[in-house]
Amino acid sequence: MLKKSDHKIYNLIKKEEQRQKEKLVMIASENYTSNAVREALGSVLTHKYSEGEPGKRYYQGNEFVDEIEKLVNERALKVFGLSSKNWHVNCKANSASIANLTVLTALLEPGDKILAMDLTHGGHLSHGWKLPNGKPIAFSAKIFDVNFYGVEKKTGVFDYKKIAKLAKKIKPKLLITGGTAYARDIDYKKMAKIAHAVGAYYLADIAHEAGLIAGKVLKSPFPFADVVTTSTQKTLRGPRGSIIICRAELKDKIDRALFPGLMGGPSDNVIAAIGVCLQEAQTLAFKKYAWQTVKNAKVLAAELKKNGFNIVSGGTDKHLILIDLRNKNINGSEAAILLDQAGIVCNKNTVPFETGSPMKPSGIRLGTPALTTRGMKEKEMKIIARWIKEILLEKKSPALVLREVKKMTKKFSV
C-alpha cells in the first residue's frame, strides 16, 4: 500500500532497512525490536486518544485501551519483581526525557536544588544540564538549581564518599543517578543512603540498563530509589517510549504531573508495544540475551584495550564502552565518521574532564545491544575490535573494511 501511495517515503524506509542490515549498529541507545513489538506499534491503537487514567478517561471508547494499559503496568512490575501494594507504574510519557521532567515537576518546586551526574562525565541532558558558565541548556535547568557530581580523574568511577560530602554541602531536594556513558554498575543502595541522609528524593534513571536489570545481570535500583525511570528502546528491546515506577505514595503526584501537567493523550500503540517487550523480557531467551550483551561488551573492551585504546574506567560492567581518543591524535567526531564509512556505526561522545567541544569531543561510545540481538558473540567482538584498530590507528581504507563488515552482517538476521 505505501509503495503505491507514497513511493518516496517507501523507498527511503527501504534504504534505512538496508542500512540497518548491512552495517554494525553499535550506538548504545539503539536496538532491534521483535516483529511482535512492531506489529503492536503499527496497529489500530494509533487511532485512539485516551487522556486520563484507566477507568477515568475524558473520552469514551477506551474500554480496551484501559485493559491494555493495566496489563502493561502489571507486566512492568513483574519484570522488576515488584508488588502493586508498594509501587505504581505510569507508562504514558513519550520518552524518558519527558518521564524525567515529569518526576522533577512532581517532586520539586521551581528553584529547588538537584544533584545529578555531570553530562561530560556520562550524565544526561534531561537531568538538568547547563554550561560551565551557568547558562542552562536543558529546560529543567531553567527551572531548577542543578548541581553536578562526577567520576574520579584517575579511576573514571564514582567516589561515593565524595558524592556524600557534596550532597551534605548542597542539600539537594532530589538526587539523580544514571546517564548515557557511565560504563560501570551503580551502587543504588549507597546512592539512596546519600539522598535520604540529606532529606532528598532519589531518582534512578535506568534508561540504558533496564533490560540488563530485568535480565538479572546488573544491580537493581529497587527497593532503594523513590522513583525509577527508563526508556524502553535500548537494552529492553522495545519501542521508543518510557516507564515511570514510583513508590505508591507518590502515585498521584507523578500521574498529575504527566497529565494534565505535561501531556495530553498518550500513544496507545506505543504502550501496547511496551507491553509486548515486557512479556518478552520475562523469557529465558531474553535473560540469555542480557548476559551475552554484557559478555560481548567486556570482550570488546578488553580487545580494544589490547589494541592500545584508552577505555574510560578501564573496562565495562554493562553494554557500553567509552573510549578516550586524546592519545590517538583524532577527535571523536572524526573517528565516528570514519567508522561509519567502514560500516561501524557509533557516536562521538564527551569524556570525563573533556578538553574538546560538544561537536568535536574527545571520545566515542560503543554499544553491544543491537549486535547481540542479531546473535553476534565473542568471536565477532574480537573481529570488530580489530577493524576499529585498523581504521583509527592503522588508517586502513574504510571501503575495504566495509566489504568485510557486509560479509559478516549477511550471516546475522535482523
Protein backbone atom coordinates (compact mmCIF):
# COMPACT_ATOMS: atom_id res chain seq x y z
CA MET A 1 0.00 0.00 0.00
CA LEU A 2 2.69 2.52 0.99
CA LYS A 3 4.77 1.67 -2.06
CA LYS A 4 1.91 2.75 -4.28
CA SER A 5 0.63 5.72 -2.29
CA ASP A 6 3.98 7.30 -1.38
CA HIS A 7 6.89 5.71 -3.16
CA LYS A 8 9.38 8.35 -1.94
CA ILE A 9 8.80 7.59 1.74
CA TYR A 10 8.61 3.87 0.96
CA ASN A 11 11.99 3.93 -0.82
CA LEU A 12 13.65 5.87 2.00
CA ILE A 13 12.34 3.38 4.57
CA LYS A 14 13.71 0.53 2.45
CA LYS A 15 17.10 2.24 2.28
CA GLU A 16 17.12 2.62 6.06
CA GLU A 17 16.14 -1.04 6.40
CA GLN A 18 19.10 -1.99 4.22
CA ARG A 19 21.45 0.25 6.23
CA GLN A 20 20.41 -1.45 9.47
CA LYS A 21 21.02 -4.86 7.90
CA GLU A 22 24.37 -4.15 6.27
CA LYS A 23 26.05 -2.09 8.97
CA LEU A 24 27.03 -2.83 12.56
CA VAL A 25 24.70 -0.82 14.79
CA MET A 26 26.88 -0.01 17.79
CA ILE A 27 25.10 3.03 19.18
CA ALA A 28 24.47 2.04 22.80
CA SER A 29 20.98 3.56 22.84
CA GLU A 30 19.74 1.65 19.79
CA ASN A 31 18.45 -1.88 19.34
CA TYR A 32 16.20 -4.05 17.18
CA THR A 33 12.64 -4.88 18.22
CA SER A 34 10.85 -8.14 17.55
CA ASN A 35 8.25 -8.43 14.80
CA ALA A 36 5.62 -8.72 17.53
CA VAL A 37 6.62 -5.34 19.01
CA ARG A 38 6.45 -3.74 15.56
CA GLU A 39 3.07 -5.32 14.92
CA ALA A 40 1.64 -3.73 18.07
CA LEU A 41 3.31 -0.43 17.20
CA GLY A 42 1.67 -0.34 13.78
CA SER A 43 -1.77 -1.40 15.00
CA VAL A 44 -5.15 0.40 15.00
CA LEU A 45 -4.33 1.63 18.51
CA THR A 46 -2.64 4.57 16.82
CA HIS A 47 -6.17 5.87 16.05
CA LYS A 48 -7.19 6.23 19.69
CA TYR A 49 -7.00 9.20 22.06
CA SER A 50 -7.05 8.37 25.75
CA GLU A 51 -6.49 11.32 28.08
CA GLY A 52 -6.71 10.32 31.73
CA GLU A 53 -6.21 7.10 33.67
CA PRO A 54 -7.71 3.63 33.10
CA GLY A 55 -11.36 3.82 34.15
CA LYS A 56 -11.16 7.62 34.40
CA ARG A 57 -10.83 8.78 30.79
CA TYR A 58 -12.03 12.05 29.34
CA TYR A 59 -13.25 10.37 26.13
CA GLN A 60 -15.42 7.34 25.53
CA GLY A 61 -14.36 4.22 23.68
CA ASN A 62 -11.36 3.38 25.83
CA GLU A 63 -12.52 0.11 27.37
CA PHE A 64 -9.90 -1.95 25.51
CA VAL A 65 -7.19 0.68 25.84
CA ASP A 66 -7.83 0.59 29.61
CA GLU A 67 -7.28 -3.16 29.69
CA ILE A 68 -4.07 -2.85 27.67
CA GLU A 69 -2.62 -0.16 29.91
CA LYS A 70 -3.45 -2.06 33.09
CA LEU A 71 -1.84 -5.20 31.64
CA VAL A 72 1.31 -3.29 30.67
CA ASN A 73 1.58 -1.81 34.18
CA GLU A 74 1.24 -5.28 35.71
CA ARG A 75 3.97 -6.62 33.41
CA ALA A 76 6.33 -3.77 34.32
CA LEU A 77 6.00 -4.64 38.00
CA LYS A 78 6.50 -8.33 37.28
CA VAL A 79 9.66 -7.76 35.22
CA PHE A 80 11.30 -5.98 38.14
CA GLY A 81 9.83 -8.21 40.85
CA LEU A 82 7.62 -5.56 42.45
CA SER A 83 4.26 -5.51 44.22
CA SER A 84 1.39 -3.19 43.28
CA LYS A 85 0.90 -2.57 47.01
CA ASN A 86 4.19 -0.71 47.23
CA TRP A 87 4.83 0.52 43.69
CA HIS A 88 2.95 2.34 40.94
CA VAL A 89 3.60 2.36 37.18
CA ASN A 90 2.97 5.06 34.59
CA CYS A 91 3.93 4.12 31.03
CA LYS A 92 2.45 7.12 29.21
CA ALA A 93 5.41 9.51 28.80
CA ASN A 94 6.52 9.60 25.17
CA SER A 95 10.23 9.44 26.07
CA ALA A 96 12.49 9.01 29.07
CA SER A 97 13.31 12.72 28.93
CA ILE A 98 9.61 13.52 29.40
CA ALA A 99 9.48 10.89 32.13
CA ASN A 100 12.35 12.61 33.94
CA LEU A 101 10.75 16.03 33.59
CA THR A 102 7.56 14.51 34.99
CA VAL A 103 9.40 13.39 38.12
CA LEU A 104 11.09 16.76 38.54
CA THR A 105 7.85 18.73 38.24
CA ALA A 106 6.03 16.26 40.51
CA LEU A 107 8.51 16.31 43.38
CA LEU A 108 10.10 19.76 43.21
CA GLU A 109 9.20 23.43 43.25
CA PRO A 110 10.88 25.96 40.94
CA GLY A 111 14.30 26.83 42.29
CA ASP A 112 14.73 23.61 44.28
CA LYS A 113 18.18 22.03 44.21
CA ILE A 114 19.07 18.92 42.20
CA LEU A 115 22.30 16.92 42.36
CA ALA A 116 22.90 14.97 39.15
CA MET A 117 25.76 13.46 37.17
CA ASP A 118 27.80 15.84 35.03
CA LEU A 119 26.95 15.39 31.34
CA THR A 120 30.61 15.25 30.31
CA HIS A 121 31.18 12.50 32.87
CA GLY A 122 28.36 10.39 31.43
CA GLY A 123 25.17 12.05 32.65
CA HIS A 124 22.13 13.06 30.59
CA LEU A 125 20.72 16.34 29.30
CA SER A 126 17.31 15.72 30.85
CA HIS A 127 18.82 15.74 34.35
CA GLY A 128 19.36 19.48 34.03
CA TRP A 129 22.48 20.19 32.01
CA LYS A 130 23.94 23.69 31.96
CA LEU A 131 27.22 25.04 30.63
CA PRO A 132 30.21 25.64 32.93
CA ASN A 133 29.40 29.37 32.76
CA GLY A 134 25.98 28.62 34.27
CA LYS A 135 23.91 29.03 31.11
CA PRO A 136 21.04 26.48 31.22
CA ILE A 137 20.79 24.18 28.19
CA ALA A 138 18.16 21.68 29.34
CA PHE A 139 14.68 23.03 30.04
CA SER A 140 14.84 21.58 33.55
CA ALA A 141 17.97 23.68 34.26
CA LYS A 142 15.94 26.82 33.58
CA ILE A 143 13.51 25.85 36.34
CA PHE A 144 15.65 24.17 38.99
CA ASP A 145 19.02 24.82 40.64
CA VAL A 146 21.07 21.96 39.22
CA ASN A 147 24.43 20.90 40.66
CA PHE A 148 26.70 18.12 39.48
CA TYR A 149 28.89 15.26 40.70
CA GLY A 150 31.26 13.25 38.52
CA VAL A 151 33.83 10.49 38.34
CA GLU A 152 37.37 10.49 39.67
CA LYS A 153 40.10 11.51 37.23
CA LYS A 154 42.39 8.57 37.99
CA THR A 155 39.79 5.80 38.05
CA GLY A 156 36.90 7.05 35.90
CA VAL A 157 34.43 5.80 38.53
CA PHE A 158 32.46 7.30 41.42
CA ASP A 159 33.87 8.05 44.84
CA TYR A 160 30.68 7.64 46.87
CA LYS A 161 32.21 9.31 49.93
CA LYS A 162 32.92 12.45 47.91
CA ILE A 163 29.39 12.44 46.50
CA ALA A 164 28.04 12.13 50.04
CA LYS A 165 30.11 15.14 51.16
CA LEU A 166 28.89 17.13 48.17
CA ALA A 167 25.27 16.24 48.94
CA LYS A 168 25.69 17.40 52.55
CA LYS A 169 27.11 20.69 51.29
CA ILE A 170 24.48 21.33 48.60
CA LYS A 171 21.48 19.78 50.37
CA PRO A 172 19.51 18.94 47.22
CA LYS A 173 15.85 18.03 47.25
CA LEU A 174 16.48 15.44 44.53
CA LEU A 175 19.48 13.19 43.76
CA ILE A 176 19.62 11.63 40.29
CA THR A 177 21.72 8.73 39.05
CA GLY A 178 22.04 7.28 35.58
CA GLY A 179 23.18 8.62 32.27
CA THR A 180 24.40 7.77 28.82
CA ALA A 181 28.10 6.99 29.08
CA TYR A 182 28.91 5.59 32.53
CA ALA A 183 30.13 2.05 31.91
CA ARG A 184 30.12 0.80 35.48
CA ASP A 185 27.33 -0.63 37.61
CA ILE A 186 25.85 1.86 40.07
CA ASP A 187 25.51 1.15 43.77
CA TYR A 188 21.88 2.21 44.16
CA LYS A 189 21.85 1.37 47.85
CA LYS A 190 24.69 3.79 48.55
CA MET A 191 23.13 6.50 46.41
CA ALA A 192 19.79 6.13 48.20
CA LYS A 193 21.54 6.42 51.54
CA ILE A 194 23.28 9.60 50.37
CA ALA A 195 19.99 11.10 49.17
CA HIS A 196 17.90 10.19 52.17
CA ALA A 197 20.59 11.36 54.62
CA VAL A 198 20.05 14.94 53.40
CA GLY A 199 16.27 14.63 53.06
CA ALA A 200 16.29 14.30 49.27
CA TYR A 201 14.23 12.12 46.98
CA TYR A 202 16.22 9.62 44.94
CA LEU A 203 15.54 9.19 41.21
CA ALA A 204 17.30 6.31 39.46
CA ASP A 205 17.30 6.74 35.69
CA ILE A 206 17.93 3.27 34.23
CA ALA A 207 17.21 4.15 30.59
CA HIS A 208 20.31 2.26 29.43
CA GLU A 209 20.35 -0.56 31.96
CA ALA A 210 16.67 -1.59 32.21
CA GLY A 211 16.99 -4.73 30.10
CA LEU A 212 20.16 -5.79 31.89
CA ILE A 213 18.48 -5.28 35.27
CA ALA A 214 15.45 -7.24 34.06
CA GLY A 215 17.85 -9.99 32.94
CA LYS A 216 19.48 -10.02 36.42
CA VAL A 217 22.89 -9.01 35.06
CA LEU A 218 23.16 -5.70 36.92
CA LYS A 219 22.11 -4.47 40.34
CA SER A 220 18.50 -3.32 40.73
CA PRO A 221 17.52 0.18 41.96
CA PHE A 222 14.62 -1.42 43.82
CA PRO A 223 13.78 -1.06 46.66
CA PHE A 224 16.23 1.79 47.22
CA ALA A 225 15.04 4.51 44.84
CA ASP A 226 11.90 6.58 45.38
CA VAL A 227 11.29 6.80 41.63
CA VAL A 228 12.78 4.87 38.70
CA THR A 229 12.53 5.99 35.07
CA THR A 230 13.56 4.17 31.93
CA SER A 231 13.30 4.36 28.20
CA THR A 232 12.14 1.16 26.54
CA GLN A 233 14.06 1.07 23.24
CA LYS A 234 17.56 0.35 24.48
CA THR A 235 18.50 -2.87 26.32
CA LEU A 236 14.80 -3.59 26.93
CA ARG A 237 14.32 -4.04 23.15
CA GLY A 238 11.01 -2.23 22.96
CA PRO A 239 9.59 0.75 21.05
CA ARG A 240 10.64 4.34 21.68
CA GLY A 241 8.77 5.05 24.89
CA SER A 242 9.25 5.11 28.65
CA ILE A 243 8.16 3.76 32.02
CA ILE A 244 7.99 5.53 35.38
CA ILE A 245 7.86 3.36 38.50
CA CYS A 246 7.38 5.21 41.79
CA ARG A 247 6.59 4.40 45.39
CA ALA A 248 2.84 4.02 45.85
CA GLU A 249 2.58 7.15 48.00
CA LEU A 250 3.90 9.26 45.09
CA LYS A 251 1.31 7.94 42.62
CA ASP A 252 -0.95 10.99 42.46
CA LYS A 253 1.93 13.46 42.21
CA ILE A 254 3.52 11.57 39.34
CA ASP A 255 0.31 10.93 37.40
CA ARG A 256 -0.89 14.53 37.68
CA ALA A 257 2.49 15.94 36.72
CA LEU A 258 2.38 14.00 33.45
CA PHE A 259 -1.32 14.55 32.71
CA PRO A 260 -2.56 17.22 32.63
CA GLY A 261 0.80 18.78 33.55
CA LEU A 262 2.98 17.86 30.56
CA MET A 263 0.98 15.78 28.10
CA GLY A 264 -2.42 15.22 26.59
CA GLY A 265 -3.29 11.80 25.25
CA PRO A 266 -0.56 9.13 25.24
CA SER A 267 0.43 6.95 22.29
CA ASP A 268 -1.63 3.82 22.95
CA ASN A 269 0.11 1.87 20.20
CA VAL A 270 3.45 2.53 21.91
CA ILE A 271 2.07 1.44 25.29
CA ALA A 272 0.87 -1.82 23.76
CA ALA A 273 4.27 -2.37 22.15
CA ILE A 274 5.93 -1.75 25.52
CA GLY A 275 3.68 -4.46 26.93
CA VAL A 276 4.90 -6.89 24.28
CA CYS A 277 8.56 -6.20 25.03
CA LEU A 278 7.91 -6.61 28.76
CA GLN A 279 6.39 -10.02 28.09
CA GLU A 280 9.48 -10.95 26.06
CA ALA A 281 11.73 -9.70 28.88
CA GLN A 282 10.35 -12.43 31.15
CA THR A 283 11.63 -15.26 28.94
CA LEU A 284 14.77 -17.34 29.36
CA ALA A 285 15.87 -16.25 25.87
CA PHE A 286 15.85 -12.62 27.00
CA LYS A 287 17.93 -13.40 30.08
CA LYS A 288 20.48 -15.15 27.87
CA TYR A 289 20.50 -12.10 25.60
CA ALA A 290 21.12 -9.78 28.57
CA TRP A 291 24.05 -11.86 29.79
CA GLN A 292 25.52 -12.12 26.28
CA THR A 293 25.22 -8.36 25.78
CA VAL A 294 27.48 -7.76 28.78
CA LYS A 295 29.86 -10.59 27.80
CA ASN A 296 30.21 -9.04 24.36
CA ALA A 297 30.91 -5.59 25.78
CA LYS A 298 33.55 -6.94 28.16
CA VAL A 299 35.33 -8.83 25.39
CA LEU A 300 35.16 -5.83 23.06
CA ALA A 301 36.57 -3.53 25.75
CA ALA A 302 39.39 -5.95 26.55
CA GLU A 303 40.35 -6.32 22.89
CA LEU A 304 40.30 -2.57 22.30
CA LYS A 305 42.45 -2.09 25.38
CA LYS A 306 44.97 -4.62 23.99
CA ASN A 307 44.99 -2.60 20.78
CA GLY A 308 46.11 0.49 22.65
CA PHE A 309 42.83 2.34 23.17
CA ASN A 310 42.20 4.23 26.40
CA ILE A 311 38.98 2.75 27.82
CA VAL A 312 37.43 5.12 30.37
CA SER A 313 37.31 3.38 33.80
CA GLY A 314 39.42 0.57 32.33
CA GLY A 315 36.50 -1.53 31.10
CA THR A 316 32.76 -2.01 31.46
CA ASP A 317 30.15 -3.74 33.61
CA LYS A 318 27.32 -3.32 31.13
CA HIS A 319 26.54 -2.84 27.45
CA LEU A 320 28.57 0.24 26.61
CA ILE A 321 32.18 1.31 26.27
CA LEU A 322 33.58 4.84 26.32
CA ILE A 323 36.90 5.43 24.56
CA ASP A 324 39.06 8.48 25.21
CA LEU A 325 40.93 9.19 21.96
CA ARG A 326 43.10 12.05 23.17
CA ASN A 327 46.21 9.84 23.00
CA LYS A 328 45.49 8.91 19.37
CA ASN A 329 45.58 12.33 17.69
CA ILE A 330 41.97 12.08 16.50
CA ASN A 331 38.77 13.52 17.92
CA GLY A 332 35.50 11.68 18.46
CA SER A 333 33.73 13.33 15.55
CA GLU A 334 36.40 12.34 13.03
CA ALA A 335 36.55 8.81 14.46
CA ALA A 336 32.78 8.29 14.31
CA ILE A 337 32.65 9.45 10.67
CA LEU A 338 35.49 7.14 9.62
CA LEU A 339 33.95 4.17 11.40
CA ASP A 340 30.55 4.85 9.84
CA GLN A 341 32.17 4.84 6.42
CA ALA A 342 33.51 1.40 7.32
CA GLY A 343 30.06 0.17 8.38
CA ILE A 344 30.64 0.50 12.13
CA VAL A 345 28.02 2.90 13.47
CA CYS A 346 28.80 4.55 16.81
CA ASN A 347 28.62 8.11 18.14
CA LYS A 348 31.02 10.84 19.18
CA ASN A 349 30.91 11.44 22.92
CA THR A 350 32.37 13.67 25.59
CA VAL A 351 34.69 12.07 28.11
CA PRO A 352 35.37 12.94 31.76
CA PHE A 353 37.45 16.13 32.12
CA GLU A 354 36.77 16.93 28.48
CA THR A 355 39.14 19.32 26.66
CA GLY A 356 37.29 19.32 23.34
CA SER A 357 33.95 20.81 22.32
CA PRO A 358 30.44 19.27 22.14
CA MET A 359 30.69 18.98 18.34
CA LYS A 360 34.30 17.77 18.45
CA PRO A 361 34.56 15.84 21.72
CA SER A 362 37.45 13.61 22.67
CA GLY A 363 35.70 10.26 22.68
CA ILE A 364 33.41 7.75 21.07
CA ARG A 365 30.82 5.49 22.66
CA LEU A 366 30.27 1.90 21.54
CA GLY A 367 27.42 -0.43 22.49
CA THR A 368 26.66 -4.13 22.06
CA PRO A 369 22.83 -4.43 22.47
CA ALA A 370 21.90 -4.44 18.77
CA LEU A 371 24.77 -6.72 17.76
CA THR A 372 23.80 -9.20 20.46
CA THR A 373 20.16 -9.15 19.35
CA ARG A 374 21.41 -10.22 15.92
CA GLY A 375 23.20 -13.18 17.51
CA MET A 376 26.78 -11.96 17.49
CA LYS A 377 29.08 -13.24 20.22
CA GLU A 378 32.67 -13.01 21.48
CA LYS A 379 34.21 -14.11 18.17
CA GLU A 380 32.60 -11.22 16.32
CA MET A 381 33.58 -8.72 19.03
CA LYS A 382 37.26 -9.60 18.56
CA ILE A 383 36.96 -9.09 14.81
CA ILE A 384 35.19 -5.75 15.27
CA ALA A 385 37.88 -4.59 17.68
CA ARG A 386 40.48 -5.41 15.03
CA TRP A 387 38.57 -3.43 12.41
CA ILE A 388 38.35 -0.41 14.73
CA LYS A 389 42.11 -0.57 15.25
CA GLU A 390 42.72 -0.84 11.51
CA ILE A 391 40.53 2.17 10.73
CA LEU A 392 41.56 4.54 13.53
CA LEU A 393 45.17 3.54 14.20
CA GLU A 394 46.44 1.95 11.01
CA LYS A 395 44.49 4.23 8.63
CA LYS A 396 43.13 1.35 6.58
CA SER A 397 40.66 2.34 3.88
CA PRO A 398 37.10 2.37 5.28
CA ALA A 399 35.85 0.97 1.96
CA LEU A 400 37.95 -2.17 2.41
CA VAL A 401 36.64 -2.76 5.92
CA LEU A 402 33.07 -2.07 4.78
CA ARG A 403 33.30 -5.06 2.43
CA GLU A 404 34.29 -7.28 5.34
CA VAL A 405 31.52 -5.83 7.52
CA LYS A 406 28.90 -6.63 4.89
CA LYS A 407 30.13 -10.22 4.68
CA MET A 408 29.72 -10.57 8.43
CA THR A 409 26.28 -8.94 8.68
CA LYS A 410 24.90 -11.24 5.95
CA LYS A 411 25.31 -14.09 8.44
CA PHE A 412 23.12 -12.47 11.10
CA SER A 413 19.45 -11.65 10.58
CA VAL A 414 17.71 -8.53 11.89
